[in-house]
Amino acid sequence: MKRPRILAIAAALLLPGCATLEWHKDGAAAETRDRDLAACAAKARAETPRFEGLPPPQVTVDAQGRAIAVQPPRRDSERFLAEQELLRACMREQGYTLRETGAKAD
């Protein structure tokens, strides 16, 4: 997964702090939605690879030509983002969309 995509996903996950979002599908009862969400979450958990240990530091060169070691993002963060992306894809495949709570259909 590319870094800009990770940052976009992270930003999208932080924005709901300003609004409450929930999955919506016309004609689907809350119990059906909850069951589908749980099934998609389980599927995403099972399909997302597990990362063991800390990633090794990456060595790069700064503007003055000095070698510096940079610690990459924690792998559990990468796993979380990948798992959330799979969950969203699964729900969308089933016809759900994310909407603000109380939002009216277009």
PDB file of N, CA and C in Angstrom:
ATOM      1  N   MET A   1       0.859  -1.178   0.000  1.00  0.00           N
ATOM      2  CA  MET A   1       0.000   0.000   0.000  1.00  0.00           C
ATOM      3  C   MET A   1       0.899   1.233   0.000  1.00  0.00           C
ATOM      4  N   LYS A   2       0.587   2.203  -0.850  1.00  0.00           N
ATOM      5  CA  LYS A   2       1.407   3.388  -0.966  1.00  0.00           C
ATOM      6  C   LYS A   2       1.101   4.361   0.165  1.00  0.00           C
ATOM      7  N   ARG A   3       2.128   5.107   0.558  1.00  0.00           N
ATOM      8  CA  ARG A   3       2.003   6.038   1.682  1.00  0.00           C
ATOM      9  C   ARG A   3       0.877   7.064   1.485  1.00  0.00           C
ATOM     10  N   PRO A   4       0.726   7.708   0.307  1.00  0.00           N
ATOM     11  CA  PRO A   4      -0.378   8.664   0.157  1.00  0.00           C
ATOM     12  C   PRO A   4      -1.741   8.008   0.377  1.00  0.00           C
ATOM     13  N   ARG A   5      -1.879   6.768  -0.060  1.00  0.00           N
ATOM     14  CA  ARG A   5      -3.158   6.079   0.135  1.00  0.00           C
ATOM     15  C   ARG A   5      -3.398   5.824   1.621  1.00  0.00           C
ATOM     16  N   ILE A   6      -2.335   5.436   2.341  1.00  0.00           N
ATOM     17  CA  ILE A   6      -2.456   5.208   3.780  1.00  0.00           C
ATOM     18  C   ILE A   6      -2.870   6.502   4.477  1.00  0.00           C
ATOM     19  N   LEU A   7      -2.259   7.607   4.081  1.00  0.00           N
ATOM     20  CA  LEU A   7      -2.590   8.887   4.702  1.00  0.00           C
ATOM     21  C   LEU A   7      -4.027   9.295   4.388  1.00  0.00           C
ATOM     22  N   ALA A   8      -4.476   9.023   3.163  1.00  0.00           N
ATOM     23  CA  ALA A   8      -5.861   9.358   2.807  1.00  0.00           C
ATOM     24  C   ALA A   8      -6.847   8.530   3.631  1.00  0.00           C
ATOM     25  N   ILE A   9      -6.526   7.258   3.813  1.00  0.00           N
ATOM     26  CA  ILE A   9      -7.398   6.390   4.602  1.00  0.00           C
ATOM     27  C   ILE A   9      -7.407   6.848   6.054  1.00  0.00           C
ATOM     28  N   ALA A  10      -6.228   7.166   6.585  1.00  0.00           N
ATOM     29  CA  ALA A  10      -6.144   7.628   7.970  1.00  0.00           C
ATOM     30  C   ALA A  10      -6.959   8.907   8.153  1.00  0.00           C
ATOM     31  N   ALA A  11      -6.867   9.816   7.188  1.00  0.00           N
ATOM     32  CA  ALA A  11      -7.638  11.060   7.276  1.00  0.00           C
ATOM     33  C   ALA A  11      -9.133  10.758   7.244  1.00  0.00           C
ATOM     34  N   ALA A  12      -9.524   9.822   6.384  1.00  0.00           N
ATOM     35  CA  ALA A  12     -10.947   9.462   6.296  1.00  0.00           C
ATOM     36  C   ALA A  12     -11.445   8.844   7.596  1.00  0.00           C
ATOM     37  N   LEU A  13     -10.570   8.106   8.271  1.00  0.00           N
ATOM     38  CA  LEU A  13     -10.960   7.501   9.538  1.00  0.00           C
ATOM     39  C   LEU A  13     -11.054   8.538  10.653  1.00  0.00           C
ATOM     40  N   LEU A  14     -10.268   9.593  10.564  1.00  0.00           N
ATOM     41  CA  LEU A  14     -10.297  10.635  11.586  1.00  0.00           C
ATOM     42  C   LEU A  14     -11.471  11.595  11.396  1.00  0.00           C
ATOM     43  N   LEU A  15     -11.901  11.812  10.156  1.00  0.00           N
ATOM     44  CA  LEU A  15     -12.991  12.747   9.892  1.00  0.00           C
ATOM     45  C   LEU A  15     -14.311  12.349  10.547  1.00  0.00           C
ATOM     46  N   PRO A  16     -14.627  11.047  10.648  1.00  0.00           N
ATOM     47  CA  PRO A  16     -15.890  10.713  11.293  1.00  0.00           C
ATOM     48  C   PRO A  16     -16.003  11.197  12.737  1.00  0.00           C
ATOM     49  N   GLY A  17     -14.897  11.650  13.342  1.00  0.00           N
ATOM     50  CA  GLY A  17     -14.968  12.224  14.673  1.00  0.00           C
ATOM     51  C   GLY A  17     -15.851  13.466  14.676  1.00  0.00           C
ATOM     52  N   CYS A  18     -15.997  14.080  13.516  1.00  0.00           N
ATOM     53  CA  CYS A  18     -16.834  15.266  13.381  1.00  0.00           C
ATOM     54  C   CYS A  18     -18.287  14.906  13.106  1.00  0.00           C
ATOM     55  N   ALA A  19     -18.535  13.700  12.627  1.00  0.00           N
ATOM     56  CA  ALA A  19     -19.894  13.268  12.298  1.00  0.00           C
ATOM     57  C   ALA A  19     -20.002  11.778  12.600  1.00  0.00           C
ATOM     58  N   THR A  20     -21.206  11.335  12.927  1.00  0.00           N
ATOM     59  CA  THR A  20     -21.433   9.921  13.166  1.00  0.00           C
ATOM     60  C   THR A  20     -21.867   9.273  11.862  1.00  0.00           C
ATOM     61  N   LEU A  21     -21.143   8.232  11.457  1.00  0.00           N
ATOM     62  CA  LEU A  21     -21.451   7.535  10.216  1.00  0.00           C
ATOM     63  C   LEU A  21     -21.935   6.134  10.515  1.00  0.00           C
ATOM     64  N   GLU A  22     -22.798   5.624   9.633  1.00  0.00           N
ATOM     65  CA  GLU A  22     -23.230   4.238   9.753  1.00  0.00           C
ATOM     66  C   GLU A  22     -23.496   3.693   8.355  1.00  0.00           C
ATOM     67  N   TRP A  23     -23.443   2.373   8.250  1.00  0.00           N
ATOM     68  CA  TRP A  23     -23.718   1.717   6.983  1.00  0.00           C
ATOM     69  C   TRP A  23     -25.216   1.743   6.725  1.00  0.00           C
ATOM     70  N   HIS A  24     -25.587   1.997   5.456  1.00  0.00           N
ATOM     71  CA  HIS A  24     -27.002   2.065   5.082  1.00  0.00           C
ATOM     72  C   HIS A  24     -27.216   1.311   3.777  1.00  0.00           C
ATOM     73  N   LYS A  25     -28.332   0.590   3.720  1.00  0.00           N
ATOM     74  CA  LYS A  25     -28.763  -0.085   2.496  1.00  0.00           C
ATOM     75  C   LYS A  25     -30.280  -0.010   2.483  1.00  0.00           C
ATOM     76  N   ASP A  26     -30.824   0.508   1.417  1.00  0.00           N
ATOM     77  CA  ASP A  26     -32.289   0.632   1.329  1.00  0.00           C
ATOM     78  C   ASP A  26     -32.939  -0.726   1.554  1.00  0.00           C
ATOM     79  N   GLY A  27     -33.906  -0.755   2.457  1.00  0.00           N
ATOM     80  CA  GLY A  27     -34.661  -1.970   2.731  1.00  0.00           C
ATOM     81  C   GLY A  27     -34.015  -2.931   3.706  1.00  0.00           C
ATOM     82  N   ALA A  28     -32.807  -2.653   4.161  1.00  0.00           N
ATOM     83  CA  ALA A  28     -32.124  -3.554   5.098  1.00  0.00           C
ATOM     84  C   ALA A  28     -32.433  -3.146   6.533  1.00  0.00           C
ATOM     85  N   ALA A  29     -32.867  -4.116   7.327  1.00  0.00           N
ATOM     86  CA  ALA A  29     -33.130  -3.869   8.753  1.00  0.00           C
ATOM     87  C   ALA A  29     -31.806  -3.724   9.497  1.00  0.00           C
ATOM     88  N   ALA A  30     -31.855  -3.094  10.660  1.00  0.00           N
ATOM     89  CA  ALA A  30     -30.650  -2.903  11.472  1.00  0.00           C
ATOM     90  C   ALA A  30     -29.996  -4.242  11.816  1.00  0.00           C
ATOM     91  N   GLU A  31     -30.820  -5.262  12.090  1.00  0.00           N
ATOM     92  CA  GLU A  31     -30.270  -6.584  12.432  1.00  0.00           C
ATOM     93  C   GLU A  31     -29.520  -7.188  11.254  1.00  0.00           C
ATOM     94  N   THR A  32     -30.048  -7.004  10.052  1.00  0.00           N
ATOM     95  CA  THR A  32     -29.385  -7.505   8.844  1.00  0.00           C
ATOM     96  C   THR A  32     -28.069  -6.774   8.634  1.00  0.00           C
ATOM     97  N   ARG A  33     -28.107  -5.439   8.792  1.00  0.00           N
ATOM     98  CA  ARG A  33     -26.890  -4.640   8.643  1.00  0.00           C
ATOM     99  C   ARG A  33     -25.832  -5.076   9.645  1.00  0.00           C
ATOM    100  N   ASP A  34     -26.226  -5.272  10.902  1.00  0.00           N
ATOM    101  CA  ASP A  34     -25.274  -5.676  11.930  1.00  0.00           C
ATOM    102  C   ASP A  34     -24.686  -7.047  11.632  1.00  0.00           C
ATOM    103  N   ARG A  35     -25.516  -7.959  11.135  1.00  0.00           N
ATOM    104  CA  ARG A  35     -25.042  -9.300  10.786  1.00  0.00           C
ATOM    105  C   ARG A  35     -24.061  -9.232   9.609  1.00  0.00           C
ATOM    106  N   ASP A  36     -24.405  -8.433   8.584  1.00  0.00           N
ATOM    107  CA  ASP A  36     -23.524  -8.269   7.426  1.00  0.00           C
ATOM    108  C   ASP A  36     -22.205  -7.604   7.824  1.00  0.00           C
ATOM    109  N   LEU A  37     -22.284  -6.613   8.692  1.00  0.00           N
ATOM    110  CA  LEU A  37     -21.083  -5.923   9.159  1.00  0.00           C
ATOM    111  C   LEU A  37     -20.174  -6.881   9.929  1.00  0.00           C
ATOM    112  N   ALA A  38     -20.758  -7.702  10.803  1.00  0.00           N
ATOM    113  CA  ALA A  38     -19.962  -8.672  11.557  1.00  0.00           C
ATOM    114  C   ALA A  38     -19.310  -9.696  10.624  1.00  0.00           C
ATOM    115  N   ALA A  39     -20.051 -10.138   9.606  1.00  0.00           N
ATOM    116  CA  ALA A  39     -19.498 -11.099   8.648  1.00  0.00           C
ATOM    117  C   ALA A  39     -18.362 -10.475   7.847  1.00  0.00           C
ATOM    118  N   CYS A  40     -18.531  -9.232   7.420  1.00  0.00           N
ATOM    119  CA  CYS A  40     -17.477  -8.547   6.671  1.00  0.00           C
ATOM    120  C   CYS A  40     -16.247  -8.297   7.550  1.00  0.00           C
ATOM    121  N   ALA A  41     -16.464  -7.945   8.815  1.00  0.00           N
ATOM    122  CA  ALA A  41     -15.342  -7.720   9.732  1.00  0.00           C
ATOM    123  C   ALA A  41     -14.561  -9.010   9.945  1.00  0.00           C
ATOM    124  N   ALA A  42     -15.262 -10.128  10.098  1.00  0.00           N
ATOM    125  CA  ALA A  42     -14.586 -11.417  10.276  1.00  0.00           C
ATOM    126  C   ALA A  42     -13.806 -11.794   9.023  1.00  0.00           C
ATOM    127  N   LYS A  43     -14.408 -11.566   7.872  1.00  0.00           N
ATOM    128  CA  LYS A  43     -13.740 -11.871   6.605  1.00  0.00           C
ATOM    129  C   LYS A  43     -12.493 -11.001   6.442  1.00  0.00           C
ATOM    130  N   ALA A  44     -12.589  -9.719   6.745  1.00  0.00           N
ATOM    131  CA  ALA A  44     -11.452  -8.802   6.624  1.00  0.00           C
ATOM    132  C   ALA A  44     -10.329  -9.192   7.579  1.00  0.00           C
ATOM    133  N   ARG A  45     -10.703  -9.568   8.818  1.00  0.00           N
ATOM    134  CA  ARG A  45      -9.699 -10.005   9.799  1.00  0.00           C
ATOM    135  C   ARG A  45      -8.955 -11.234   9.303  1.00  0.00           C
ATOM    136  N   ALA A  46      -9.689 -12.177   8.722  1.00  0.00           N
ATOM    137  CA  ALA A  46      -9.089 -13.425   8.250  1.00  0.00           C
ATOM    138  C   ALA A  46      -8.196 -13.204   7.028  1.00  0.00           C
ATOM    139  N   GLU A  47      -8.543 -12.240   6.179  1.00  0.00           N
ATOM    140  CA  GLU A  47      -7.806 -12.025   4.936  1.00  0.00           C
ATOM    141  C   GLU A  47      -6.621 -11.075   5.071  1.00  0.00           C
ATOM    142  N   THR A  48      -6.570 -10.311   6.134  1.00  0.00           N
ATOM    143  CA  THR A  48      -5.480  -9.355   6.305  1.00  0.00           C
ATOM    144  C   THR A  48      -4.271 -10.078   6.872  1.00  0.00           C
ATOM    145  N   PRO A  49      -3.109  -9.947   6.199  1.00  0.00           N
ATOM    146  CA  PRO A  49      -1.916 -10.639   6.696  1.00  0.00           C
ATOM    147  C   PRO A  49      -1.476 -10.101   8.050  1.00  0.00           C
ATOM    148  N   ARG A  50      -0.953 -10.979   8.855  1.00  0.00           N
ATOM    149  CA  ARG A  50      -0.424 -10.591  10.172  1.00  0.00           C
ATOM    150  C   ARG A  50       1.047 -10.225  10.017  1.00  0.00           C
ATOM    151  N   PHE A  51       1.441  -9.180  10.717  1.00  0.00           N
ATOM    152  CA  PHE A  51       2.828  -8.740  10.701  1.00  0.00           C
ATOM    153  C   PHE A  51       3.427  -9.029  12.070  1.00  0.00           C
ATOM    154  N   GLU A  52       4.521  -9.720  12.083  1.00  0.00           N
ATOM    155  CA  GLU A  52       5.180 -10.063  13.347  1.00  0.00           C
ATOM    156  C   GLU A  52       6.359  -9.137  13.587  1.00  0.00           C
ATOM    157  N   GLY A  53       6.503  -8.687  14.811  1.00  0.00           N
ATOM    158  CA  GLY A  53       7.654  -7.873  15.197  1.00  0.00           C
ATOM    159  C   GLY A  53       7.600  -6.466  14.631  1.00  0.00           C
ATOM    160  N   LEU A  54       8.603  -5.701  14.970  1.00  0.00           N
ATOM    161  CA  LEU A  54       8.702  -4.333  14.483  1.00  0.00           C
ATOM    162  C   LEU A  54       9.404  -4.323  13.133  1.00  0.00           C
ATOM    163  N   PRO A  55       8.991  -3.437  12.231  1.00  0.00           N
ATOM    164  CA  PRO A  55       9.689  -3.354  10.950  1.00  0.00           C
ATOM    165  C   PRO A  55      11.084  -2.780  11.156  1.00  0.00           C
ATOM    166  N   PRO A  56      12.018  -3.178  10.320  1.00  0.00           N
ATOM    167  CA  PRO A  56      13.373  -2.637  10.473  1.00  0.00           C
ATOM    168  C   PRO A  56      13.401  -1.165  10.080  1.00  0.00           C
ATOM    169  N   PRO A  57      14.322  -0.402  10.680  1.00  0.00           N
ATOM    170  CA  PRO A  57      14.431   1.003  10.294  1.00  0.00           C
ATOM    171  C   PRO A  57      14.891   1.115   8.843  1.00  0.00           C
ATOM    172  N   GLN A  58      14.481   2.187   8.198  1.00  0.00           N
ATOM    173  CA  GLN A  58      14.899   2.443   6.832  1.00  0.00           C
ATOM    174  C   GLN A  58      16.011   3.480   6.863  1.00  0.00           C
ATOM    175  N   VAL A  59      17.068   3.232   6.101  1.00  0.00           N
ATOM    176  CA  VAL A  59      18.185   4.171   6.050  1.00  0.00           C
ATOM    177  C   VAL A  59      17.998   5.034   4.813  1.00  0.00           C
ATOM    178  N   THR A  60      18.078   6.342   5.030  1.00  0.00           N
ATOM    179  CA  THR A  60      17.931   7.299   3.944  1.00  0.00           C
ATOM    180  C   THR A  60      19.008   8.365   4.095  1.00  0.00           C
ATOM    181  N   VAL A  61      19.051   9.297   3.193  1.00  0.00           N
ATOM    182  CA  VAL A  61      20.054  10.366   3.215  1.00  0.00           C
ATOM    183  C   VAL A  61      19.324  11.692   3.346  1.00  0.00           C
ATOM    184  N   ASP A  62      19.814  12.546   4.267  1.00  0.00           N
ATOM    185  CA  ASP A  62      19.183  13.854   4.426  1.00  0.00           C
ATOM    186  C   ASP A  62      19.735  14.837   3.393  1.00  0.00           C
ATOM    187  N   ALA A  63      19.293  16.094   3.426  1.00  0.00           N
ATOM    188  CA  ALA A  63      19.678  17.106   2.435  1.00  0.00           C
ATOM    189  C   ALA A  63      21.179  17.391   2.421  1.00  0.00           C
ATOM    190  N   GLN A  64      21.854  17.139   3.546  1.00  0.00           N
ATOM    191  CA  GLN A  64      23.291  17.377   3.617  1.00  0.00           C
ATOM    192  C   GLN A  64      24.093  16.122   3.257  1.00  0.00           C
ATOM    193  N   GLY A  65      23.419  15.061   2.840  1.00  0.00           N
ATOM    194  CA  GLY A  65      24.110  13.837   2.431  1.00  0.00           C
ATOM    195  C   GLY A  65      24.453  12.904   3.576  1.00  0.00           C
ATOM    196  N   ARG A  66      23.919  13.161   4.768  1.00  0.00           N
ATOM    197  CA  ARG A  66      24.188  12.295   5.926  1.00  0.00           C
ATOM    198  C   ARG A  66      23.177  11.155   5.950  1.00  0.00           C
ATOM    199  N   ALA A  67      23.658   9.973   6.286  1.00  0.00           N
ATOM    200  CA  ALA A  67      22.771   8.814   6.410  1.00  0.00           C
ATOM    201  C   ALA A  67      22.002   8.923   7.725  1.00  0.00           C
ATOM    202  N   ILE A  68      20.694   8.706   7.659  1.00  0.00           N
ATOM    203  CA  ILE A  68      19.864   8.716   8.865  1.00  0.00           C
ATOM    204  C   ILE A  68      18.939   7.499   8.825  1.00  0.00           C
ATOM    205  N   ALA A  69      18.630   6.980   9.992  1.00  0.00           N
ATOM    206  CA  ALA A  69      17.705   5.854  10.104  1.00  0.00           C
ATOM    207  C   ALA A  69      16.327   6.393  10.465  1.00  0.00           C
ATOM    208  N   VAL A  70      15.333   5.965   9.718  1.00  0.00           N
ATOM    209  CA  VAL A  70      13.962   6.407   9.936  1.00  0.00           C
ATOM    210  C   VAL A  70      13.124   5.184  10.276  1.00  0.00           C
ATOM    211  N   GLN A  71      12.397   5.263  11.376  1.00  0.00           N
ATOM    212  CA  GLN A  71      11.526   4.153  11.768  1.00  0.00           C
ATOM    213  C   GLN A  71      10.231   4.244  10.976  1.00  0.00           C
ATOM    214  N   PRO A  72       9.904   3.231  10.168  1.00  0.00           N
ATOM    215  CA  PRO A  72       8.647   3.264   9.408  1.00  0.00           C
ATOM    216  C   PRO A  72       7.441   3.128  10.335  1.00  0.00           C
ATOM    217  N   PRO A  73       6.242   3.370   9.802  1.00  0.00           N
ATOM    218  CA  PRO A  73       5.043   3.233  10.634  1.00  0.00           C
ATOM    219  C   PRO A  73       4.928   1.818  11.192  1.00  0.00           C
ATOM    220  N   ARG A  74       4.323   1.713  12.332  1.00  0.00           N
ATOM    221  CA  ARG A  74       4.146   0.391  12.941  1.00  0.00           C
ATOM    222  C   ARG A  74       3.291  -0.481  12.039  1.00  0.00           C
ATOM    223  N   ARG A  75       3.619  -1.745  11.980  1.00  0.00           N
ATOM    224  CA  ARG A  75       2.900  -2.663  11.105  1.00  0.00           C
ATOM    225  C   ARG A  75       1.475  -2.913  11.574  1.00  0.00           C
ATOM    226  N   ASP A  76       1.224  -2.782  12.876  1.00  0.00           N
ATOM    227  CA  ASP A  76      -0.158  -2.989  13.315  1.00  0.00           C
ATOM    228  C   ASP A  76      -1.053  -1.874  12.776  1.00  0.00           C
ATOM    229  N   SER A  77      -0.498  -0.686  12.558  1.00  0.00           N
ATOM    230  CA  SER A  77      -1.258   0.399  11.939  1.00  0.00           C
ATOM    231  C   SER A  77      -1.567   0.050  10.487  1.00  0.00           C
ATOM    232  N   GLU A  78      -0.582  -0.501   9.785  1.00  0.00           N
ATOM    233  CA  GLU A  78      -0.794  -0.914   8.401  1.00  0.00           C
ATOM    234  C   GLU A  78      -1.852  -2.009   8.341  1.00  0.00           C
ATOM    235  N   ARG A  79      -1.793  -2.941   9.272  1.00  0.00           N
ATOM    236  CA  ARG A  79      -2.765  -4.030   9.295  1.00  0.00           C
ATOM    237  C   ARG A  79      -4.162  -3.472   9.546  1.00  0.00           C
ATOM    238  N   PHE A  80      -4.298  -2.564  10.491  1.00  0.00           N
ATOM    239  CA  PHE A  80      -5.593  -1.961  10.791  1.00  0.00           C
ATOM    240  C   PHE A  80      -6.171  -1.286   9.558  1.00  0.00           C
ATOM    241  N   LEU A  81      -5.357  -0.489   8.860  1.00  0.00           N
ATOM    242  CA  LEU A  81      -5.837   0.217   7.686  1.00  0.00           C
ATOM    243  C   LEU A  81      -6.229  -0.758   6.574  1.00  0.00           C
ATOM    244  N   ALA A  82      -5.424  -1.805   6.377  1.00  0.00           N
ATOM    245  CA  ALA A  82      -5.746  -2.804   5.357  1.00  0.00           C
ATOM    246  C   ALA A  82      -7.041  -3.533   5.712  1.00  0.00           C
ATOM    247  N   GLU A  83      -7.203  -3.863   6.985  1.00  0.00           N
ATOM    248  CA  GLU A  83      -8.415  -4.559   7.435  1.00  0.00           C
ATOM    249  C   GLU A  83      -9.650  -3.683   7.229  1.00  0.00           C
ATOM    250  N   GLN A  84      -9.540  -2.398   7.533  1.00  0.00           N
ATOM    251  CA  GLN A  84     -10.667  -1.485   7.358  1.00  0.00           C
ATOM    252  C   GLN A  84     -11.022  -1.318   5.879  1.00  0.00           C
ATOM    253  N   GLU A  85     -10.005  -1.299   5.028  1.00  0.00           N
ATOM    254  CA  GLU A  85     -10.264  -1.182   3.593  1.00  0.00           C
ATOM    255  C   GLU A  85     -11.009  -2.419   3.080  1.00  0.00           C
ATOM    256  N   LEU A  86     -10.618  -3.604   3.526  1.00  0.00           N
ATOM    257  CA  LEU A  86     -11.308  -4.833   3.132  1.00  0.00           C
ATOM    258  C   LEU A  86     -12.747  -4.846   3.655  1.00  0.00           C
ATOM    259  N   LEU A  87     -12.943  -4.383   4.886  1.00  0.00           N
ATOM    260  CA  LEU A  87     -14.289  -4.327   5.451  1.00  0.00           C
ATOM    261  C   LEU A  87     -15.176  -3.399   4.628  1.00  0.00           C
ATOM    262  N   ARG A  88     -14.667  -2.211   4.293  1.00  0.00           N
ATOM    263  CA  ARG A  88     -15.455  -1.267   3.494  1.00  0.00           C
ATOM    264  C   ARG A  88     -15.774  -1.847   2.121  1.00  0.00           C
ATOM    265  N   ALA A  89     -14.809  -2.513   1.502  1.00  0.00           N
ATOM    266  CA  ALA A  89     -15.041  -3.111   0.186  1.00  0.00           C
ATOM    267  C   ALA A  89     -16.125  -4.184   0.274  1.00  0.00           C
ATOM    268  N   CYS A  90     -16.082  -5.001   1.301  1.00  0.00           N
ATOM    269  CA  CYS A  90     -17.067  -6.059   1.500  1.00  0.00           C
ATOM    270  C   CYS A  90     -18.464  -5.471   1.667  1.00  0.00           C
ATOM    271  N   MET A  91     -18.593  -4.446   2.471  1.00  0.00           N
ATOM    272  CA  MET A  91     -19.906  -3.832   2.691  1.00  0.00           C
ATOM    273  C   MET A  91     -20.429  -3.176   1.409  1.00  0.00           C
ATOM    274  N   ARG A  92     -19.546  -2.535   0.670  1.00  0.00           N
ATOM    275  CA  ARG A  92     -19.978  -1.907  -0.585  1.00  0.00           C
ATOM    276  C   ARG A  92     -20.416  -2.964  -1.599  1.00  0.00           C
ATOM    277  N   GLU A  93     -19.717  -4.101  -1.627  1.00  0.00           N
ATOM    278  CA  GLU A  93     -20.103  -5.191  -2.527  1.00  0.00           C
ATOM    279  C   GLU A  93     -21.512  -5.693  -2.221  1.00  0.00           C
ATOM    280  N   GLN A  94     -21.926  -5.559  -0.979  1.00  0.00           N
ATOM    281  CA  GLN A  94     -23.259  -5.999  -0.577  1.00  0.00           C
ATOM    282  C   GLN A  94     -24.309  -4.895  -0.734  1.00  0.00           C
ATOM    283  N   GLY A  95     -23.884  -3.748  -1.283  1.00  0.00           N
ATOM    284  CA  GLY A  95     -24.837  -2.674  -1.568  1.00  0.00           C
ATOM    285  C   GLY A  95     -24.973  -1.616  -0.489  1.00  0.00           C
ATOM    286  N   TYR A  96     -24.095  -1.623   0.505  1.00  0.00           N
ATOM    287  CA  TYR A  96     -24.166  -0.630   1.578  1.00  0.00           C
ATOM    288  C   TYR A  96     -23.356   0.609   1.224  1.00  0.00           C
ATOM    289  N   THR A  97     -23.768   1.733   1.776  1.00  0.00           N
ATOM    290  CA  THR A  97     -23.005   2.980   1.683  1.00  0.00           C
ATOM    291  C   THR A  97     -22.879   3.556   3.092  1.00  0.00           C
ATOM    292  N   LEU A  98     -21.812   4.317   3.316  1.00  0.00           N
ATOM    293  CA  LEU A  98     -21.644   5.009   4.591  1.00  0.00           C
ATOM    294  C   LEU A  98     -22.375   6.341   4.509  1.00  0.00           C
ATOM    295  N   ARG A  99     -23.195   6.613   5.516  1.00  0.00           N
ATOM    296  CA  ARG A  99     -23.947   7.861   5.571  1.00  0.00           C
ATOM    297  C   ARG A  99     -23.869   8.432   6.985  1.00  0.00           C
ATOM    298  N   GLU A 100     -24.028   9.738   7.050  1.00  0.00           N
ATOM    299  CA  GLU A 100     -24.141  10.377   8.356  1.00  0.00           C
ATOM    300  C   GLU A 100     -25.428   9.892   8.998  1.00  0.00           C
ATOM    301  N   THR A 101     -25.404   9.669  10.285  1.00  0.00           N
ATOM    302  CA  THR A 101     -26.600   9.250  11.005  1.00  0.00           C
ATOM    303  C   THR A 101     -27.676  10.303  10.814  1.00  0.00           C
ATOM    304  N   GLY A 102     -28.863   9.862  10.419  1.00  0.00           N
ATOM    305  CA  GLY A 102     -29.973  10.776  10.213  1.00  0.00           C
ATOM    306  C   GLY A 102     -29.982  11.446   8.859  1.00  0.00           C
ATOM    307  N   ALA A 103     -28.975  11.137   7.998  1.00  0.00           N
ATOM    308  CA  ALA A 103     -28.938  11.746   6.661  1.00  0.00           C
ATOM    309  C   ALA A 103     -30.068  11.196   5.806  1.00  0.00           C
ATOM    310  N   LYS A 104     -30.630  12.020   4.995  1.00  0.00           N
ATOM    311  CA  LYS A 104     -31.719  11.614   4.120  1.00  0.00           C
ATOM    312  C   LYS A 104     -31.157  11.113   2.801  1.00  0.00           C
ATOM    313  N   ALA A 105     -31.881  10.201   2.152  1.00  0.00           N
ATOM    314  CA  ALA A 105     -31.469   9.671   0.845  1.00  0.00           C
ATOM    315  C   ALA A 105     -31.528  10.785  -0.189  1.00  0.00           C
ATOM    316  N   ASP A 106     -30.628  10.726  -1.167  1.00  0.00           N
ATOM    317  CA  ASP A 106     -30.590  11.735  -2.235  1.00  0.00           C
ATOM    318  C   ASP A 106     -31.686  11.523  -3.240  1.00  0.00           C
TER     319      ASP A 106
END
